[in-house]
Amino acid sequence: MKATPLEIPDVILLEPRVFGDDRGFFFESYNRQAFREATGIDPDFVQDNHSRSTQGVLRGLHYQLPPKAQGKLVRVVAGEVFDVAVDIRKGSPTFGRWVGEVLSAENKRQMWIPPGFAHGFLALSETAEFLYKTTDYYSPAHERCVLWNDSDVGVIWPSIFPAGNYPVLSTKDANGMVLREMTGCP
């Protein structure tokens, strides 16, 4: 497993060793020991989630407040997404900055997003299936959302929309908070 810290070094891009031939491929999508050796991190995953989205659906930017903050190990098993992590840790030298990567079934990349980050993705392909492990359980009382197009964060989402159109959002995501108005950030 190759682990590459991104511009915000706490967010790590992971590339598994893939064994392929004319029959298909095999790779370990998660191995606790290999993950720990590659990253120096040993998270205790407690929940796996699976979502399916159609092209143009944007989910996020979600996070949970302490004591229910979640670390996430994310990957795509069908299709392609643009995956984003935003540092919302007050006092962090990278507070308010974001990193993004294309994750796909083809490239088999994963991202480690530690607690204290908001997370979201935009489905780029006709459909995309997204799997992720979390270090804490889903807690609606602790869940929050940073607005996907907060100008203070400035995420540059891929341009897949005709002029004047926007991504498909849930009501919760459309009503996310802007970073400067957030309270209770980790």
Foldseek 3Di string as FASTA:
>chain_A
DAWDQDPPRVKIKDAWDWADDPVGIDTDLDDQVVCCVNRVDRFDFDDKDKDKDFAQAKDFQKFFFPPQTKKKKKAWQAAKKWKKKAQCAPPDPRHLEMDIDMGHNVRSMIMIGGGRIGIMIGGHHRMIMMMMTIRGDDDPVGMAGAAPCQVSSHDDGDPPDDPPDHGDYDPRNNPGHHSVPDPRRD
